[in-house]
Amino acid sequence: MRWNLEWLRTVKAIYETNTLTAAAQELFIFQAGVSLHLNSLEAYTGYPAFPTTRLLVLPTLRLA
């Protein structure tokens, strides 16, 4: 499997908006699509991109 540019666009949108919902709106995709991109990236790298809370996501040092 190779890096997917959409994963990186999604991570950028999550980082800038701090929520998956706002990132989905910015990217004009469903929230499920944002979650899928994020899960795919984390599975590919083996590291969590963002430790999540109920209200926002925070970048880890590995991808920030």
N, C-alpha and C. Protein backbone atom coordinates (compact mmCIF):
# COMPACT_ATOMS: atom_id res chain seq x y z
N MET A 1 0.84 -1.17 0.00
CA MET A 1 0.00 0.00 0.00
C MET A 1 0.89 1.24 0.00
N ARG A 2 0.42 2.31 -0.63
CA ARG A 2 1.19 3.55 -0.73
C ARG A 2 0.47 4.68 0.01
N TRP A 3 1.21 5.75 0.24
CA TRP A 3 0.61 6.95 0.83
C TRP A 3 -0.51 7.45 -0.07
N ASN A 4 -1.56 7.91 0.54
CA ASN A 4 -2.70 8.44 -0.20
C ASN A 4 -2.77 9.94 0.11
N LEU A 5 -2.75 10.76 -0.92
CA LEU A 5 -2.77 12.20 -0.74
C LEU A 5 -4.04 12.67 -0.02
N GLU A 6 -5.15 11.97 -0.21
CA GLU A 6 -6.39 12.33 0.47
C GLU A 6 -6.26 12.18 1.99
N TRP A 7 -5.48 11.20 2.43
CA TRP A 7 -5.25 11.04 3.87
C TRP A 7 -4.60 12.30 4.42
N LEU A 8 -3.60 12.81 3.71
CA LEU A 8 -2.88 13.99 4.18
C LEU A 8 -3.75 15.24 4.14
N ARG A 9 -4.57 15.38 3.12
CA ARG A 9 -5.52 16.49 3.07
C ARG A 9 -6.49 16.43 4.24
N THR A 10 -6.92 15.23 4.55
CA THR A 10 -7.86 15.04 5.66
C THR A 10 -7.20 15.39 6.98
N VAL A 11 -5.97 14.94 7.21
CA VAL A 11 -5.26 15.25 8.44
C VAL A 11 -5.07 16.76 8.57
N LYS A 12 -4.74 17.41 7.48
CA LYS A 12 -4.58 18.87 7.49
C LYS A 12 -5.89 19.56 7.88
N ALA A 13 -6.99 19.11 7.32
CA ALA A 13 -8.29 19.70 7.64
C ALA A 13 -8.66 19.45 9.10
N ILE A 14 -8.40 18.25 9.61
CA ILE A 14 -8.68 17.96 11.02
C ILE A 14 -7.83 18.85 11.91
N TYR A 15 -6.56 18.99 11.57
CA TYR A 15 -5.65 19.81 12.35
C TYR A 15 -6.11 21.27 12.40
N GLU A 16 -6.55 21.78 11.26
CA GLU A 16 -6.96 23.18 11.18
C GLU A 16 -8.31 23.45 11.85
N THR A 17 -9.22 22.48 11.81
CA THR A 17 -10.56 22.70 12.33
C THR A 17 -10.78 22.12 13.73
N ASN A 18 -9.94 21.20 14.14
CA ASN A 18 -10.00 20.55 15.46
C ASN A 18 -11.17 19.59 15.65
N THR A 19 -12.01 19.38 14.65
CA THR A 19 -13.08 18.38 14.77
C THR A 19 -13.24 17.63 13.46
N LEU A 20 -13.69 16.40 13.56
CA LEU A 20 -13.91 15.61 12.35
C LEU A 20 -15.08 16.16 11.55
N THR A 21 -16.10 16.64 12.23
CA THR A 21 -17.28 17.17 11.55
C THR A 21 -16.93 18.41 10.73
N ALA A 22 -16.18 19.33 11.33
CA ALA A 22 -15.78 20.54 10.62
C ALA A 22 -14.84 20.20 9.46
N ALA A 23 -13.97 19.23 9.66
CA ALA A 23 -13.08 18.80 8.58
C ALA A 23 -13.88 18.23 7.42
N ALA A 24 -14.90 17.46 7.72
CA ALA A 24 -15.75 16.89 6.67
C ALA A 24 -16.44 18.01 5.89
N GLN A 25 -16.93 19.01 6.58
CA GLN A 25 -17.58 20.13 5.91
C GLN A 25 -16.60 20.88 5.03
N GLU A 26 -15.39 21.07 5.51
CA GLU A 26 -14.37 21.78 4.73
C GLU A 26 -13.98 21.00 3.47
N LEU A 27 -13.96 19.67 3.58
CA LEU A 27 -13.55 18.82 2.46
C LEU A 27 -14.72 18.41 1.56
N PHE A 28 -15.94 18.80 1.96
CA PHE A 28 -17.15 18.44 1.22
C PHE A 28 -17.32 16.92 1.10
N ILE A 29 -17.07 16.23 2.22
CA ILE A 29 -17.29 14.79 2.29
C ILE A 29 -18.05 14.49 3.57
N PHE A 30 -18.52 13.26 3.71
CA PHE A 30 -19.21 12.84 4.92
C PHE A 30 -18.21 12.63 6.04
N GLN A 31 -18.69 12.75 7.28
CA GLN A 31 -17.84 12.51 8.44
C GLN A 31 -17.28 11.09 8.42
N ALA A 32 -18.06 10.15 7.93
CA ALA A 32 -17.59 8.76 7.83
C ALA A 32 -16.37 8.67 6.92
N GLY A 33 -16.32 9.48 5.88
CA GLY A 33 -15.17 9.50 4.98
C GLY A 33 -13.93 10.03 5.68
N VAL A 34 -14.11 11.06 6.51
CA VAL A 34 -12.99 11.59 7.29
C VAL A 34 -12.47 10.51 8.24
N SER A 35 -13.37 9.83 8.91
CA SER A 35 -12.97 8.76 9.83
C SER A 35 -12.25 7.64 9.08
N LEU A 36 -12.73 7.30 7.91
CA LEU A 36 -12.10 6.25 7.11
C LEU A 36 -10.68 6.66 6.70
N HIS A 37 -10.50 7.89 6.26
CA HIS A 37 -9.16 8.36 5.89
C HIS A 37 -8.23 8.33 7.09
N LEU A 38 -8.72 8.81 8.22
CA LEU A 38 -7.91 8.85 9.42
C LEU A 38 -7.53 7.43 9.89
N ASN A 39 -8.50 6.53 9.89
CA ASN A 39 -8.23 5.14 10.29
C ASN A 39 -7.25 4.46 9.33
N SER A 40 -7.39 4.74 8.05
CA SER A 40 -6.47 4.16 7.05
C SER A 40 -5.05 4.66 7.27
N LEU A 41 -4.90 5.95 7.50
CA LEU A 41 -3.58 6.52 7.75
C LEU A 41 -2.97 5.93 9.01
N GLU A 42 -3.75 5.83 10.07
CA GLU A 42 -3.23 5.27 11.32
C GLU A 42 -2.86 3.80 11.17
N ALA A 43 -3.63 3.05 10.40
CA ALA A 43 -3.30 1.65 10.16
C ALA A 43 -2.02 1.53 9.33
N TYR A 44 -1.86 2.43 8.38
CA TYR A 44 -0.67 2.40 7.51
C TYR A 44 0.60 2.74 8.30
N THR A 45 0.51 3.78 9.15
CA THR A 45 1.70 4.20 9.89
C THR A 45 1.92 3.41 11.17
N GLY A 46 0.84 2.88 11.74
CA GLY A 46 0.94 2.17 13.00
C GLY A 46 0.91 3.08 14.22
N TYR A 47 0.63 4.36 13.99
CA TYR A 47 0.59 5.34 15.07
C TYR A 47 -0.71 6.12 15.02
N PRO A 48 -1.24 6.52 16.17
CA PRO A 48 -2.43 7.38 16.16
C PRO A 48 -2.03 8.78 15.68
N ALA A 49 -2.84 9.37 14.83
CA ALA A 49 -2.57 10.72 14.34
C ALA A 49 -3.00 11.75 15.37
N PHE A 50 -4.13 11.51 16.01
CA PHE A 50 -4.69 12.45 16.97
C PHE A 50 -5.27 11.69 18.15
N PRO A 51 -4.85 12.02 19.38
CA PRO A 51 -5.59 11.49 20.52
C PRO A 51 -6.92 12.23 20.57
N THR A 52 -8.01 11.52 20.65
CA THR A 52 -9.31 12.16 20.56
C THR A 52 -9.97 12.32 21.91
N THR A 53 -10.78 13.34 22.00
CA THR A 53 -11.69 13.53 23.12
C THR A 53 -13.08 13.60 22.51
N ARG A 54 -14.07 13.78 23.31
CA ARG A 54 -15.43 13.86 22.76
C ARG A 54 -15.62 15.09 21.90
N LEU A 55 -14.95 16.18 22.20
CA LEU A 55 -15.24 17.43 21.53
C LEU A 55 -14.21 17.87 20.50
N LEU A 56 -12.96 17.44 20.65
CA LEU A 56 -11.96 17.88 19.69
C LEU A 56 -10.85 16.86 19.56
N VAL A 57 -10.03 17.05 18.57
CA VAL A 57 -8.88 16.17 18.36
C VAL A 57 -7.61 17.00 18.50
N LEU A 58 -6.57 16.38 19.01
CA LEU A 58 -5.30 17.06 19.23
C LEU A 58 -4.21 16.31 18.49
N PRO A 59 -3.29 17.00 17.83
CA PRO A 59 -2.23 16.30 17.10
C PRO A 59 -1.22 15.65 18.04
N THR A 60 -0.71 14.51 17.65
CA THR A 60 0.39 13.89 18.40
C THR A 60 1.69 14.46 17.85
N LEU A 61 2.77 14.18 18.52
CA LEU A 61 4.05 14.69 18.07
C LEU A 61 4.54 14.00 16.82
N ARG A 62 4.07 12.80 16.54
CA ARG A 62 4.56 12.06 15.38
C ARG A 62 4.11 12.67 14.05
N LEU A 63 2.90 13.22 13.99
CA LEU A 63 2.38 13.75 12.73
C LEU A 63 2.26 15.26 12.73
N ALA A 64 2.51 15.90 13.85
CA ALA A 64 2.36 17.36 13.91
C ALA A 64 3.57 18.05 13.33
